[in-house]
C-alpha atoms as a PDB file:
ATOM      1  CA  MET A   1       0.000   0.000   0.000  1.00  0.00           C
ATOM      2  CA  ALA A   2       1.323   3.427  -0.939  1.00  0.00           C
ATOM      3  CA  ASN A   3       2.021   5.952   1.792  1.00  0.00           C
ATOM      4  CA  PRO A   4      -0.910   8.400   1.564  1.00  0.00           C
ATOM      5  CA  MET A   5       1.258  11.399   2.419  1.00  0.00           C
ATOM      6  CA  GLU A   6       3.724  10.514  -0.353  1.00  0.00           C
ATOM      7  CA  THR A   7       0.839  10.303  -2.823  1.00  0.00           C
ATOM      8  CA  PHE A   8      -0.479  13.653  -1.559  1.00  0.00           C
ATOM      9  CA  ALA A   9       2.962  15.265  -2.038  1.00  0.00           C
ATOM     10  CA  ALA A  10       3.413  13.762  -5.488  1.00  0.00           C
ATOM     11  CA  GLU A  11      -0.032  14.744  -6.751  1.00  0.00           C
ATOM     12  CA  ALA A  12      -0.359  18.168  -5.128  1.00  0.00           C
ATOM     13  CA  PRO A  13       3.106  19.374  -4.093  1.00  0.00           C
ATOM     14  CA  ASP A  14       2.123  22.985  -3.385  1.00  0.00           C
ATOM     15  CA  VAL A  15      -0.846  21.996  -1.254  1.00  0.00           C
ATOM     16  CA  ALA A  16       1.206  19.334   0.529  1.00  0.00           C
ATOM     17  CA  ALA A  17       3.931  21.885   1.291  1.00  0.00           C
ATOM     18  CA  ALA A  18       1.349  24.288   2.727  1.00  0.00           C
ATOM     19  CA  PHE A  19      -0.102  21.454   4.802  1.00  0.00           C
ATOM     20  CA  ASP A  20       3.403  20.616   6.082  1.00  0.00           C
ATOM     21  CA  ARG A  21       3.869  24.249   7.154  1.00  0.00           C
ATOM     22  CA  LEU A  22       0.555  24.092   9.028  1.00  0.00           C
ATOM     23  CA  ILE A  23       1.694  20.939  10.824  1.00  0.00           C
ATOM     24  CA  ASP A  24       5.041  22.557  11.677  1.00  0.00           C
ATOM     25  CA  THR A  25       3.198  25.543  13.137  1.00  0.00           C
ATOM     26  CA  LEU A  26       0.913  23.339  15.219  1.00  0.00           C
ATOM     27  CA  VAL A  27       3.858  21.278  16.463  1.00  0.00           C
ATOM     28  CA  SER A  28       5.643  24.444  17.579  1.00  0.00           C
ATOM     29  CA  THR A  29       2.841  25.762  19.803  1.00  0.00           C
ATOM     30  CA  ASP A  30       3.641  25.656  23.504  1.00  0.00           C
ATOM     31  CA  GLY A  31       0.324  24.746  25.148  1.00  0.00           C
ATOM     32  CA  LEU A  32       0.985  20.991  25.080  1.00  0.00           C
ATOM     33  CA  ASP A  33       4.252  19.114  25.044  1.00  0.00           C
ATOM     34  CA  ALA A  34       5.069  16.952  22.008  1.00  0.00           C
ATOM     35  CA  ARG A  35       4.226  13.681  23.783  1.00  0.00           C
ATOM     36  CA  THR A  36       0.785  14.919  24.810  1.00  0.00           C
ATOM     37  CA  LYS A  37       0.112  16.231  21.295  1.00  0.00           C
ATOM     38  CA  GLN A  38       0.867  12.804  19.840  1.00  0.00           C
ATOM     39  CA  ILE A  39      -1.411  11.067  22.346  1.00  0.00           C
ATOM     40  CA  ALA A  40      -4.203  13.536  21.552  1.00  0.00           C
ATOM     41  CA  TYR A  41      -3.657  13.048  17.821  1.00  0.00           C
ATOM     42  CA  ILE A  42      -3.866   9.282  18.231  1.00  0.00           C
ATOM     43  CA  ALA A  43      -7.163   9.657  20.087  1.00  0.00           C
ATOM     44  CA  ILE A  44      -8.573  11.991  17.436  1.00  0.00           C
ATOM     45  CA  LYS A  45      -7.587   9.687  14.584  1.00  0.00           C
ATOM     46  CA  ALA A  46      -8.948   6.669  16.469  1.00  0.00           C
ATOM     47  CA  ALA A  47     -12.259   8.510  16.903  1.00  0.00           C
ATOM     48  CA  GLN A  48     -12.284   8.864  13.116  1.00  0.00           C
ATOM     49  CA  GLY A  49     -11.427   5.165  12.666  1.00  0.00           C
ATOM     50  CA  ASP A  50      -8.143   5.975  10.886  1.00  0.00           C
ATOM     51  CA  ALA A  51      -6.026   2.937  11.787  1.00  0.00           C
ATOM     52  CA  THR A  52      -3.299   3.897   9.293  1.00  0.00           C
ATOM     53  CA  ALA A  53      -2.673   7.276  10.921  1.00  0.00           C
ATOM     54  CA  VAL A  54      -2.833   5.731  14.391  1.00  0.00           C
ATOM     55  CA  ALA A  55      -0.261   3.079  13.478  1.00  0.00           C
ATOM     56  CA  LEU A  56       2.047   5.709  11.969  1.00  0.00           C
ATOM     57  CA  HIS A  57       1.874   7.990  15.010  1.00  0.00           C
ATOM     58  CA  VAL A  58       2.170   5.400  17.776  1.00  0.00           C
ATOM     59  CA  PRO A  59       5.942   4.920  17.283  1.00  0.00           C
ATOM     60  CA  VAL A  60       6.390   8.700  17.355  1.00  0.00           C
ATOM     61  CA  ALA A  61       4.467   8.892  20.636  1.00  0.00           C
ATOM     62  CA  LYS A  62       6.486   5.988  22.025  1.00  0.00           C
ATOM     63  CA  ARG A  63       9.783   7.708  21.168  1.00  0.00           C
ATOM     64  CA  LEU A  64       8.486  10.795  22.975  1.00  0.00           C
ATOM     65  CA  GLY A  65       7.862   8.718  26.107  1.00  0.00           C
ATOM     66  CA  ALA A  66       4.245   7.607  25.760  1.00  0.00           C
ATOM     67  CA  THR A  67       3.540   4.305  27.446  1.00  0.00           C
ATOM     68  CA  ARG A  68       1.577   1.444  25.954  1.00  0.00           C
ATOM     69  CA  ALA A  69      -1.125   2.070  28.575  1.00  0.00           C
ATOM     70  CA  GLU A  70      -1.389   5.749  27.581  1.00  0.00           C
ATOM     71  CA  VAL A  71      -1.797   4.836  23.916  1.00  0.00           C
ATOM     72  CA  ARG A  72      -4.384   2.187  24.810  1.00  0.00           C
ATOM     73  CA  ASP A  73      -6.345   4.554  27.047  1.00  0.00           C
ATOM     74  CA  ALA A  74      -6.299   7.369  24.488  1.00  0.00           C
ATOM     75  CA  ILE A  75      -8.024   5.033  22.043  1.00  0.00           C
ATOM     76  CA  LEU A  76     -10.429   3.614  24.625  1.00  0.00           C
ATOM     77  CA  LEU A  77     -11.555   7.145  25.548  1.00  0.00           C
ATOM     78  CA  THR A  78     -13.073   7.474  22.092  1.00  0.00           C
ATOM     79  CA  LEU A  79     -15.715   4.859  22.959  1.00  0.00           C
ATOM     80  CA  THR A  80     -18.027   7.364  24.621  1.00  0.00           C
ATOM     81  CA  THR A  81     -17.922   9.874  21.776  1.00  0.00           C
ATOM     82  CA  SER A  82     -17.405   7.773  18.668  1.00  0.00           C
ATOM     83  CA  GLY A  83     -18.507   4.252  19.515  1.00  0.00           C
ATOM     84  CA  LEU A  84     -16.809   0.917  19.028  1.00  0.00           C
ATOM     85  CA  ASN A  85     -15.756   1.323  15.396  1.00  0.00           C
ATOM     86  CA  GLY A  86     -12.590   3.340  16.059  1.00  0.00           C
ATOM     87  CA  VAL A  87     -11.545   1.119  18.939  1.00  0.00           C
ATOM     88  CA  ALA A  88     -12.139  -2.046  16.922  1.00  0.00           C
ATOM     89  CA  LYS A  89     -10.114  -0.706  13.976  1.00  0.00           C
ATOM     90  CA  CYS A  90      -7.423   1.218  15.799  1.00  0.00           C
ATOM     91  CA  LEU A  91      -6.630  -0.512  19.082  1.00  0.00           C
ATOM     92  CA  PRO A  92      -5.137  -3.633  17.478  1.00  0.00           C
ATOM     93  CA  ALA A  93      -3.178  -1.505  14.979  1.00  0.00           C
ATOM     94  CA  ALA A  94      -1.905   0.787  17.741  1.00  0.00           C
ATOM     95  CA  LEU A  95      -0.766  -1.982  20.057  1.00  0.00           C
ATOM     96  CA  GLN A  96       0.857  -3.873  17.202  1.00  0.00           C
ATOM     97  CA  ALA A  97       2.738  -0.717  16.167  1.00  0.00           C
ATOM     98  CA  TYR A  98       3.749  -0.024  19.760  1.00  0.00           C
ATOM     99  CA  ASP A  99       5.024  -3.551  20.326  1.00  0.00           C
ATOM    100  CA  ALA A 100       6.822  -3.668  16.960  1.00  0.00           C
ATOM    101  CA  ASP A 101       8.659  -0.362  17.504  1.00  0.00           C
ATOM    102  CA  GLY A 102      12.104  -0.995  18.964  1.00  0.00           C
ATOM    103  CA  ALA A 103      12.306   2.355  20.776  1.00  0.00           C
ATOM    104  CA  ALA A 104      12.104   2.214  24.548  1.00  0.00           C
END
């Protein structure tokens, strides 16, 4: 499967570059630390049922110090707002990505 962000950049390079600048700006805000931002992002993407994005961001969160339990709980919290779909799709993908990532 092709990386969706690579396809985005190849098909719409100017838009992708603008999107990257937006992400850089959001990453640089100081209200939340980087670890917390990743955990929040994982929860948001799980609420949307986006297992691909969750699996891509879990190793980043892990490298920033997120624990397996924090990743799990971030996904489980989506149950009350988004139902079982996101948990069913994203929890297995998240835990598999966490366990497969060699970072401590």
